[in-house]
Amino acid sequence: MKFLLISGSKARKEVSKHLISEAKKYFSTVLSIPLDGIRVECVGGENKLFFKNTDLTKFDACYARLFSEDFLFGECVLDILESSGVYLPTSSEAFQIVNHKYYTVQTLCKSKLPVPTTSLSVSPQPTTKISRTVGYPLVVKLLSGFGGRGVMLVQEEQDLVPLLDTMQVFKEFVATQEFIDKGDDIRCYVIGDNVYPVKRIAKKGEWRANVSRGARAILIRIPDEIKEIALKAAKIMGMDISSVDFIKSSKGWLILEINFSPGLMPKFFGKKFAEIIMKHIFNRTKEIKLLP
């Protein structure tokens, strides 16, 4: 069988290297390419994807590690691969949802999954009004962003107003969210039907517990209740591979975010998650090939 790894603009070379190394244990043909090396062609009434002279729609499975910056072209590529029968552990629809932070919250809310109080607005006035109800400090998020980027902590209204004015100039939509102070931060890697919980510990003086911002990470045990929520969230989004970020509040465990291309934290876990991911992709691809 043939496996394709597509790396988006922010993909880490070390992670890609680990994934390819593991893929070669299972697949007879393995190809790793950058998203910007792909071209789309309409051939004989069919959409095709090519990298140089290789037809990418002929592969059996593809893991696309794409990010918000890759959205427009990435969505097109995923859609063509899906319609060509290539197994994708992360669907094109999921890519659309998780790249819009409020749409993610909206989708989770529809399924009665726990999320922090969140709002979306297109102008400063409604946002300011909502923030008075939610209270300060307040988290302000750009609709796209990853690794803690595009996320700001606002302490009081006099800091919020100029920030919103600036975002309006740049035509940025803004989501605001209640701030959970001193809550435990957990990332659940969801791979197939299995959940691998990781506790991230923010470095001193940093309120965001992102490893890319200096946090540490350790594997932990968590209640089955949280595992079930993580599995349900991933299933709703249409993702066989994802990570679901939780924070503990006075209301219980809340979902902060779902990640389409989660960092695999090789600094702390080496090849562990690359091994699990590639084994899952191989087994799932094999199952699909055996279907009548």
Protein backbone atom coordinates (compact mmCIF):
# COMPACT_ATOMS: atom_id res chain seq x y z
CA MET A 1 0.00 0.00 0.00
CA LYS A 2 1.01 3.61 -0.61
CA PHE A 3 1.20 6.35 2.04
CA LEU A 4 1.43 10.10 1.58
CA LEU A 5 2.47 12.68 4.18
CA ILE A 6 1.62 16.30 3.34
CA SER A 7 3.30 18.97 5.45
CA GLY A 8 1.80 22.43 5.80
CA SER A 9 3.51 25.75 6.43
CA LYS A 10 4.17 25.21 10.15
CA ALA A 11 4.98 21.48 10.12
CA ARG A 12 8.08 20.59 12.15
CA LYS A 13 10.76 18.67 10.27
CA GLU A 14 11.51 16.48 13.30
CA VAL A 15 7.87 15.34 13.55
CA SER A 16 7.67 14.67 9.79
CA LYS A 17 10.89 12.66 9.99
CA HIS A 18 9.49 10.49 12.79
CA LEU A 19 6.21 9.91 10.93
CA ILE A 20 8.02 8.88 7.73
CA SER A 21 10.36 6.58 9.65
CA GLU A 22 7.36 4.79 11.18
CA ALA A 23 5.38 4.76 7.91
CA LYS A 24 8.15 2.80 6.19
CA LYS A 25 7.56 -0.06 8.65
CA TYR A 26 4.04 -0.53 7.27
CA PHE A 27 3.71 0.83 3.73
CA SER A 28 5.54 -0.33 0.59
CA THR A 29 5.59 3.19 -0.86
CA VAL A 30 6.02 6.30 1.29
CA LEU A 31 6.12 9.86 -0.02
CA SER A 32 6.58 13.06 2.03
CA ILE A 33 5.85 16.37 0.30
CA PRO A 34 5.16 20.03 1.16
CA LEU A 35 1.66 21.37 0.53
CA ASP A 36 3.03 24.12 -1.69
CA GLY A 37 4.60 21.51 -3.99
CA ILE A 38 1.17 20.20 -5.05
CA ARG A 39 -0.67 21.28 -8.18
CA VAL A 40 -4.35 20.73 -8.96
CA GLU A 41 -5.46 19.76 -12.47
CA CYS A 42 -8.81 18.97 -14.02
CA VAL A 43 -8.13 15.95 -16.25
CA GLY A 44 -10.91 14.35 -18.30
CA GLY A 45 -13.58 15.85 -16.09
CA GLU A 46 -11.83 14.73 -12.88
CA ASN A 47 -9.89 16.75 -10.34
CA LYS A 48 -6.38 15.39 -9.86
CA LEU A 49 -3.50 16.27 -7.56
CA PHE A 50 0.08 16.03 -8.72
CA PHE A 51 3.49 16.37 -7.12
CA LYS A 52 5.88 16.63 -10.06
CA ASN A 53 4.68 13.66 -12.17
CA THR A 54 3.15 11.65 -9.33
CA ASP A 55 -0.66 11.38 -9.17
CA LEU A 56 -1.46 11.77 -5.48
CA THR A 57 -5.04 10.53 -5.85
CA LYS A 58 -3.65 7.02 -6.43
CA PHE A 59 -2.35 6.70 -2.87
CA ASP A 60 -4.15 4.52 -0.33
CA ALA A 61 -3.76 6.79 2.70
CA CYS A 62 -2.69 10.34 3.46
CA TYR A 63 -1.95 12.19 6.68
CA ALA A 64 -2.05 15.94 6.03
CA ARG A 65 -0.53 18.04 8.81
CA LEU A 66 -2.05 21.38 7.86
CA PHE A 67 -2.54 24.65 9.73
CA SER A 68 -4.66 27.80 9.57
CA GLU A 69 -2.23 29.47 7.14
CA ASP A 70 -2.84 26.57 4.73
CA PHE A 71 -6.62 26.85 4.82
CA LEU A 72 -7.66 27.85 1.29
CA PHE A 73 -5.43 25.48 -0.68
CA GLY A 74 -5.40 22.81 2.02
CA GLU A 75 -9.19 22.53 2.02
CA CYS A 76 -9.15 22.00 -1.75
CA VAL A 77 -6.45 19.31 -1.53
CA LEU A 78 -8.23 17.42 1.25
CA ASP A 79 -11.55 17.52 -0.60
CA ILE A 80 -10.02 16.04 -3.77
CA LEU A 81 -8.20 13.30 -1.86
CA GLU A 82 -11.41 12.40 -0.01
CA SER A 83 -13.50 12.24 -3.17
CA SER A 84 -10.79 10.06 -4.77
CA GLY A 85 -11.16 7.40 -2.07
CA VAL A 86 -7.88 8.12 -0.27
CA TYR A 87 -8.16 7.39 3.47
CA LEU A 88 -7.75 10.58 5.50
CA PRO A 89 -7.73 10.34 9.31
CA THR A 90 -8.79 14.00 9.37
CA SER A 91 -11.61 15.09 7.06
CA SER A 92 -11.85 18.23 4.94
CA GLU A 93 -14.97 19.24 6.90
CA ALA A 94 -13.02 18.93 10.16
CA PHE A 95 -10.34 21.21 8.71
CA GLN A 96 -13.01 23.84 8.03
CA ILE A 97 -14.50 23.62 11.53
CA VAL A 98 -11.35 23.65 13.67
CA ASN A 99 -9.84 26.56 11.73
CA HIS A 100 -12.70 28.74 12.97
CA LYS A 101 -12.45 28.93 16.75
CA TYR A 102 -16.06 29.96 17.28
CA TYR A 103 -17.45 27.42 14.80
CA THR A 104 -15.61 24.79 16.86
CA VAL A 105 -17.36 25.97 20.03
CA GLN A 106 -20.71 26.14 18.22
CA THR A 107 -20.34 22.56 16.95
CA LEU A 108 -19.46 21.28 20.42
CA CYS A 109 -22.38 23.17 21.99
CA LYS A 110 -24.83 21.55 19.59
CA SER A 111 -23.74 18.18 20.97
CA LYS A 112 -24.02 19.38 24.59
CA LEU A 113 -20.28 19.09 25.22
CA PRO A 114 -18.79 21.36 27.92
CA VAL A 115 -17.05 24.56 26.78
CA PRO A 116 -16.23 27.89 28.48
CA THR A 117 -18.66 30.79 28.02
CA THR A 118 -17.73 32.15 24.58
CA SER A 119 -18.98 34.91 22.29
CA LEU A 120 -18.39 36.10 18.73
CA SER A 121 -18.92 39.57 17.30
CA VAL A 122 -17.91 41.68 14.32
CA SER A 123 -17.71 45.07 16.02
CA PRO A 124 -16.32 46.42 19.32
CA GLN A 125 -19.63 47.52 20.89
CA PRO A 126 -21.30 44.10 21.30
CA THR A 127 -18.01 42.54 22.44
CA THR A 128 -17.57 45.17 25.13
CA LYS A 129 -21.14 44.62 26.33
CA ILE A 130 -20.74 40.83 26.48
CA SER A 131 -17.42 41.13 28.31
CA ARG A 132 -19.13 42.98 31.16
CA THR A 133 -21.42 39.99 31.64
CA VAL A 134 -18.64 37.40 31.45
CA GLY A 135 -16.28 39.47 33.60
CA TYR A 136 -12.55 40.11 33.62
CA PRO A 137 -9.90 38.86 33.06
CA LEU A 138 -11.09 37.83 29.60
CA VAL A 139 -9.48 35.75 26.86
CA VAL A 140 -9.61 37.27 23.36
CA LYS A 141 -8.99 34.96 20.40
CA LEU A 142 -8.49 35.52 16.69
CA LEU A 143 -10.59 33.01 14.78
CA SER A 144 -7.45 31.33 13.44
CA GLY A 145 -4.17 30.68 15.19
CA PHE A 146 -2.29 27.85 16.88
CA GLY A 147 0.34 27.23 19.52
CA GLY A 148 -1.12 29.96 21.72
CA ARG A 149 -0.70 32.60 19.00
CA GLY A 150 -3.60 34.97 18.40
CA VAL A 151 -4.74 34.46 22.00
CA MET A 152 -4.60 37.41 24.41
CA LEU A 153 -5.46 37.86 28.07
CA VAL A 154 -7.23 41.16 28.78
CA GLN A 155 -7.35 42.33 32.38
CA GLU A 156 -9.89 45.17 32.14
CA GLU A 157 -12.19 47.02 29.74
CA GLN A 158 -9.84 49.94 29.14
CA ASP A 159 -7.38 47.45 27.60
CA LEU A 160 -10.06 45.66 25.57
CA VAL A 161 -11.49 48.62 23.63
CA PRO A 162 -8.29 49.72 21.80
CA LEU A 163 -7.51 46.08 21.04
CA LEU A 164 -10.92 45.59 19.42
CA ASP A 165 -10.58 48.84 17.46
CA THR A 166 -7.27 47.63 16.02
CA MET A 167 -8.73 44.26 15.06
CA GLN A 168 -11.64 45.96 13.32
CA VAL A 169 -9.20 47.99 11.19
CA PHE A 170 -7.63 44.72 10.03
CA LYS A 171 -11.08 43.14 9.46
CA GLU A 172 -10.48 40.52 12.16
CA PHE A 173 -13.43 38.69 13.71
CA VAL A 174 -13.00 38.24 17.44
CA ALA A 175 -14.10 35.53 19.85
CA THR A 176 -14.05 36.24 23.58
CA GLN A 177 -13.99 33.58 26.26
CA GLU A 178 -14.12 33.44 30.02
CA PHE A 179 -10.71 33.07 31.66
CA ILE A 180 -10.25 29.98 33.86
CA ASP A 181 -7.68 30.90 36.48
CA LYS A 182 -5.24 28.28 37.81
CA GLY A 183 -7.11 25.39 36.22
CA ASP A 184 -5.36 22.11 35.39
CA ASP A 185 -4.56 21.96 31.67
CA ILE A 186 -4.78 18.58 29.94
CA ARG A 187 -4.30 17.58 26.31
CA CYS A 188 -5.92 14.34 25.20
CA TYR A 189 -4.47 12.81 22.05
CA VAL A 190 -7.29 10.91 20.37
CA ILE A 191 -6.02 8.28 17.94
CA GLY A 192 -8.75 5.96 16.72
CA ASP A 193 -10.63 4.70 19.78
CA ASN A 194 -7.76 5.37 22.17
CA VAL A 195 -7.04 8.42 24.34
CA TYR A 196 -3.57 9.41 25.54
CA PRO A 197 -3.76 12.17 28.17
CA VAL A 198 -0.88 14.60 28.69
CA LYS A 199 -0.57 17.25 31.39
CA ARG A 200 1.08 20.46 30.22
CA ILE A 201 2.73 22.61 32.86
CA ALA A 202 3.20 26.26 31.88
CA LYS A 203 6.55 27.83 32.58
CA LYS A 204 6.72 30.40 35.36
CA GLY A 205 5.09 33.71 34.42
CA GLU A 206 3.25 32.26 31.37
CA TRP A 207 -0.54 31.71 31.51
CA ARG A 208 -0.69 29.65 28.30
CA ALA A 209 0.34 26.01 28.74
CA ASN A 210 1.61 25.50 25.18
CA VAL A 211 4.79 23.44 24.78
CA SER A 212 5.77 25.83 21.98
CA ARG A 213 5.79 28.55 24.64
CA GLY A 214 8.05 26.70 27.08
CA ALA A 215 5.62 24.41 28.92
CA ARG A 216 6.61 20.91 30.06
CA ALA A 217 4.55 17.77 29.35
CA ILE A 218 4.02 14.43 31.11
CA LEU A 219 1.73 11.45 30.47
CA ILE A 220 -0.96 11.05 33.14
CA ARG A 221 -4.08 9.07 34.01
CA ILE A 222 -7.49 10.72 33.82
CA PRO A 223 -11.09 9.73 34.68
CA ASP A 224 -13.01 7.74 32.06
CA GLU A 225 -15.51 10.61 31.93
CA ILE A 226 -12.93 12.93 30.31
CA LYS A 227 -11.82 10.20 27.90
CA GLU A 228 -15.42 9.74 26.75
CA ILE A 229 -15.83 13.48 26.17
CA ALA A 230 -12.59 13.58 24.16
CA LEU A 231 -13.66 10.63 22.00
CA LYS A 232 -17.09 12.14 21.39
CA ALA A 233 -15.60 15.53 20.46
CA ALA A 234 -13.19 13.97 17.95
CA LYS A 235 -15.97 11.86 16.42
CA ILE A 236 -18.27 14.88 16.05
CA MET A 237 -15.51 16.74 14.23
CA GLY A 238 -14.81 13.81 11.91
CA MET A 239 -11.25 13.16 13.06
CA ASP A 240 -9.56 9.82 13.73
CA ILE A 241 -6.44 11.72 14.82
CA SER A 242 -6.64 14.90 16.88
CA SER A 243 -5.96 16.40 20.26
CA VAL A 244 -8.60 17.80 22.58
CA ASP A 245 -7.49 20.39 25.12
CA PHE A 246 -9.29 20.53 28.49
CA ILE A 247 -9.16 22.84 31.47
CA LYS A 248 -10.65 22.25 34.92
CA SER A 249 -12.99 24.95 36.20
CA SER A 250 -15.50 25.36 39.01
CA LYS A 251 -18.08 23.97 36.55
CA GLY A 252 -16.02 20.86 35.84
CA TRP A 253 -13.85 19.93 32.85
CA LEU A 254 -14.28 22.19 29.80
CA ILE A 255 -13.01 21.79 26.24
CA LEU A 256 -10.74 24.68 25.31
CA GLU A 257 -9.76 23.64 21.80
CA ILE A 258 -9.55 20.81 19.28
CA ASN A 259 -6.44 20.54 17.13
CA PHE A 260 -6.34 19.27 13.54
CA SER A 261 -2.54 18.85 13.50
CA PRO A 262 -1.47 18.51 17.13
CA GLY A 263 2.16 18.88 18.06
CA LEU A 264 3.58 15.45 18.91
CA MET A 265 6.01 16.82 21.52
CA PRO A 266 9.10 14.80 20.46
CA LYS A 267 11.16 16.65 23.08
CA PHE A 268 9.20 14.83 25.79
CA PHE A 269 7.88 11.69 24.09
CA GLY A 270 10.29 10.95 21.23
CA LYS A 271 8.63 8.81 18.53
CA LYS A 272 5.81 7.56 20.77
CA PHE A 273 2.91 9.36 19.09
CA ALA A 274 4.35 8.96 15.59
CA GLU A 275 4.43 5.18 16.18
CA ILE A 276 0.83 5.08 17.42
CA ILE A 277 -0.44 7.30 14.59
CA MET A 278 1.18 5.32 11.79
CA LYS A 279 0.04 1.99 13.20
CA HIS A 280 -3.53 3.33 13.34
CA ILE A 281 -3.39 4.71 9.78
CA PHE A 282 -2.07 1.39 8.44
CA ASN A 283 -4.67 -0.73 10.26
CA ARG A 284 -7.55 1.56 9.26
CA THR A 285 -6.41 1.67 5.62
CA LYS A 286 -6.20 -2.13 5.57
CA GLU A 287 -9.73 -2.38 7.00
CA ILE A 288 -11.08 -0.04 4.32
CA LYS A 289 -9.37 -2.00 1.54
CA LEU A 290 -11.05 -5.19 2.77
CA LEU A 291 -14.54 -3.66 2.67
CA PRO A 292 -16.76 -4.94 -0.19
